[in-house]
Amino acid sequence: MTDDTAAAGHDHRHGTRETVLFGGVYGAVLASSMVAALTQYGHASRESRRYDAAWLLVTALASALAHGYAHYIAERAPHRRGDALRTLREEWPLVAAVVPTVLVLAGAGWGWWPADGVEYPAFALNIALLFALGLITARSSHRSWTAAGLIGAVDALLGVVVVVANAVIK
């Protein structure tokens, strides 16, 4: 990016760390929310878990497309050829963050482990992912281990809120 491009405001891409943190947190919370919604009615057959895995992946892809498109159209600067694809490509952390949950659900659907109650390991996985994202991001920003642990705990709290909401709704 040249100084002229920066001055004209033509490059609004976020830093890699910000993109990974945002997409990772968004994806982990999305995965927990989807698991809660899809398992609300107690469907725990292998077939329903494969369906849940497919819907989670479709939802993540749709969310990434919608978020990338919103960024693209919200920029007021003129766009260059390929900007739309670059903007959409930057949404990969959101999709990557749901893949572990997709695999947990699909694994239950394929009979690798019991389909009944798989939402609880999925919730735990996403809470751990949220904690790790907060911790790693804070440490890469040169925060102390104590501060990084607290930031990770606050990020994990997002996942806990989804789990508690799921329990209250059921």
Protein backbone atom coordinates (compact mmCIF):
# COMPACT_ATOMS: atom_id res chain seq x y z
CA MET A 1 0.00 0.00 0.00
CA THR A 2 1.44 3.35 -0.97
CA ASP A 3 1.16 6.51 1.05
CA ASP A 4 -1.23 7.88 -1.59
CA THR A 5 -3.51 4.86 -1.23
CA ALA A 6 -3.50 5.13 2.55
CA ALA A 7 -4.11 8.85 2.44
CA ALA A 8 -7.01 8.39 0.05
CA GLY A 9 -8.51 5.81 2.39
CA HIS A 10 -8.60 3.04 -0.20
CA ASP A 11 -7.31 0.25 2.07
CA HIS A 12 -9.60 -0.51 4.99
CA ARG A 13 -8.41 -4.03 5.70
CA HIS A 14 -8.02 -4.93 9.33
CA GLY A 15 -4.85 -6.30 10.84
CA THR A 16 -4.43 -10.07 10.86
CA ARG A 17 -4.62 -10.32 14.65
CA GLU A 18 -7.84 -8.29 14.75
CA THR A 19 -9.34 -10.33 11.92
CA VAL A 20 -8.48 -13.66 13.55
CA LEU A 21 -9.76 -12.57 16.95
CA PHE A 22 -12.99 -11.11 15.58
CA GLY A 23 -13.68 -14.03 13.28
CA GLY A 24 -12.67 -16.59 15.89
CA VAL A 25 -14.85 -15.12 18.62
CA TYR A 26 -17.75 -14.61 16.23
CA GLY A 27 -17.39 -18.18 14.92
CA ALA A 28 -17.13 -19.79 18.36
CA VAL A 29 -20.16 -17.92 19.68
CA LEU A 30 -22.04 -18.69 16.45
CA ALA A 31 -21.18 -22.39 16.80
CA SER A 32 -22.37 -22.50 20.42
CA SER A 33 -25.56 -20.65 19.54
CA MET A 34 -26.30 -22.93 16.62
CA VAL A 35 -25.66 -26.07 18.68
CA ALA A 36 -28.00 -24.72 21.36
CA ALA A 37 -30.69 -23.92 18.80
CA LEU A 38 -30.35 -27.17 16.88
CA THR A 39 -30.45 -29.36 19.98
CA GLN A 40 -33.21 -27.45 21.78
CA TYR A 41 -35.86 -30.00 20.91
CA GLY A 42 -33.85 -33.06 21.94
CA HIS A 43 -33.17 -34.53 18.50
CA ALA A 44 -30.14 -36.68 19.20
CA SER A 45 -30.10 -39.27 16.44
CA ARG A 46 -27.03 -39.82 14.31
CA GLU A 47 -28.91 -38.45 11.31
CA SER A 48 -29.86 -35.27 13.14
CA ARG A 49 -26.24 -34.70 14.22
CA ARG A 50 -25.08 -34.95 10.59
CA TYR A 51 -27.84 -32.48 9.69
CA ASP A 52 -26.73 -30.19 12.55
CA ALA A 53 -23.12 -30.31 11.31
CA ALA A 54 -24.19 -29.43 7.77
CA TRP A 55 -26.39 -26.55 8.94
CA LEU A 56 -23.65 -25.17 11.15
CA LEU A 57 -21.23 -25.14 8.24
CA VAL A 58 -23.79 -23.55 5.90
CA THR A 59 -24.61 -20.92 8.53
CA ALA A 60 -20.93 -20.11 9.05
CA LEU A 61 -20.36 -19.72 5.32
CA ALA A 62 -23.46 -17.54 4.96
CA SER A 63 -22.39 -15.42 7.95
CA ALA A 64 -18.90 -14.98 6.50
CA LEU A 65 -20.34 -13.97 3.13
CA ALA A 66 -22.79 -11.54 4.73
CA HIS A 67 -20.14 -10.01 6.97
CA GLY A 68 -17.61 -9.69 4.15
CA TYR A 69 -20.22 -8.20 1.84
CA ALA A 70 -21.29 -5.73 4.53
CA HIS A 71 -17.67 -4.59 4.90
CA TYR A 72 -17.36 -4.26 1.15
CA ILE A 73 -20.44 -2.11 0.63
CA ALA A 74 -19.90 -0.07 3.80
CA GLU A 75 -16.60 1.32 2.54
CA ARG A 76 -17.18 4.65 0.93
CA ALA A 77 -14.01 4.61 -1.13
CA PRO A 78 -13.99 3.53 -4.77
CA HIS A 79 -13.27 -0.18 -5.14
CA ARG A 80 -10.60 -1.79 -7.26
CA ARG A 81 -11.03 -5.00 -9.22
CA GLY A 82 -10.84 -7.95 -6.86
CA ASP A 83 -11.64 -6.00 -3.68
CA ALA A 84 -14.87 -7.94 -3.12
CA LEU A 85 -13.08 -11.29 -3.25
CA ARG A 86 -10.29 -10.05 -0.98
CA THR A 87 -12.87 -8.78 1.52
CA LEU A 88 -14.69 -12.12 1.53
CA ARG A 89 -11.41 -14.05 1.83
CA GLU A 90 -10.63 -12.12 5.02
CA GLU A 91 -13.61 -13.80 6.71
CA TRP A 92 -11.86 -17.21 6.89
CA PRO A 93 -11.34 -17.10 10.70
CA LEU A 94 -15.12 -17.14 11.24
CA VAL A 95 -15.50 -20.34 9.22
CA ALA A 96 -12.34 -21.89 10.70
CA ALA A 97 -13.66 -21.32 14.23
CA VAL A 98 -16.78 -23.41 13.60
CA VAL A 99 -14.95 -26.34 11.99
CA PRO A 100 -14.09 -28.07 15.32
CA THR A 101 -17.77 -27.99 16.31
CA VAL A 102 -18.78 -29.22 12.86
CA LEU A 103 -16.39 -32.14 13.36
CA VAL A 104 -17.80 -32.91 16.83
CA LEU A 105 -21.35 -32.97 15.45
CA ALA A 106 -20.39 -34.87 12.30
CA GLY A 107 -18.39 -37.37 14.37
CA ALA A 108 -21.48 -38.07 16.43
CA GLY A 109 -23.43 -38.46 13.20
CA TRP A 110 -20.87 -40.90 11.84
CA GLY A 111 -20.99 -42.95 15.04
CA TRP A 112 -17.55 -42.04 16.36
CA TRP A 113 -19.13 -41.20 19.73
CA PRO A 114 -22.67 -41.06 21.13
CA ALA A 115 -24.99 -38.59 19.41
CA ASP A 116 -26.94 -37.94 22.61
CA GLY A 117 -25.44 -35.14 24.73
CA VAL A 118 -22.74 -34.16 22.21
CA GLU A 119 -23.75 -30.52 22.63
CA TYR A 120 -21.97 -30.39 25.99
CA PRO A 121 -18.53 -31.28 24.62
CA ALA A 122 -19.24 -28.85 21.76
CA PHE A 123 -20.00 -26.09 24.27
CA ALA A 124 -16.84 -26.92 26.26
CA LEU A 125 -14.77 -26.88 23.07
CA ASN A 126 -16.08 -23.44 22.09
CA ILE A 127 -15.57 -22.02 25.58
CA ALA A 128 -11.98 -23.30 25.49
CA LEU A 129 -11.53 -21.78 22.02
CA LEU A 130 -12.82 -18.42 23.23
CA PHE A 131 -10.46 -18.53 26.21
CA ALA A 132 -7.49 -19.46 23.99
CA LEU A 133 -8.25 -16.69 21.48
CA GLY A 134 -8.42 -14.09 24.24
CA LEU A 135 -5.26 -15.38 25.92
CA ILE A 136 -3.19 -15.64 22.74
CA THR A 137 -4.31 -12.27 21.42
CA ALA A 138 -3.60 -10.56 24.75
CA ARG A 139 -0.16 -12.17 25.02
CA SER A 140 0.68 -11.15 21.45
CA SER A 141 -0.18 -7.60 22.52
CA HIS A 142 2.47 -7.91 25.24
CA ARG A 143 0.02 -8.07 28.12
CA SER A 144 1.06 -9.85 31.30
CA TRP A 145 0.01 -13.47 31.84
CA THR A 146 -2.42 -12.30 34.52
CA ALA A 147 -4.05 -9.73 32.25
CA ALA A 148 -4.09 -12.21 29.37
CA GLY A 149 -5.75 -14.82 31.57
CA LEU A 150 -8.41 -12.33 32.59
CA ILE A 151 -9.04 -11.32 28.99
CA GLY A 152 -9.29 -15.00 28.03
CA ALA A 153 -11.74 -15.56 30.89
CA VAL A 154 -13.93 -12.65 29.75
CA ASP A 155 -13.93 -14.03 26.19
CA ALA A 156 -14.84 -17.48 27.54
CA LEU A 157 -17.68 -15.87 29.47
CA LEU A 158 -19.38 -15.21 26.10
CA GLY A 159 -19.55 -18.95 25.57
CA VAL A 160 -20.78 -19.54 29.12
CA VAL A 161 -23.59 -17.04 28.53
CA VAL A 162 -24.73 -19.08 25.51
CA VAL A 163 -24.62 -22.31 27.53
CA VAL A 164 -26.58 -20.77 30.41
CA ALA A 165 -29.11 -19.28 28.01
CA ASN A 166 -29.52 -22.69 26.43
CA ALA A 167 -30.13 -24.29 29.82
CA VAL A 168 -32.68 -21.62 30.77
CA ILE A 169 -34.52 -21.91 27.44
CA LYS A 170 -34.79 -25.70 27.71
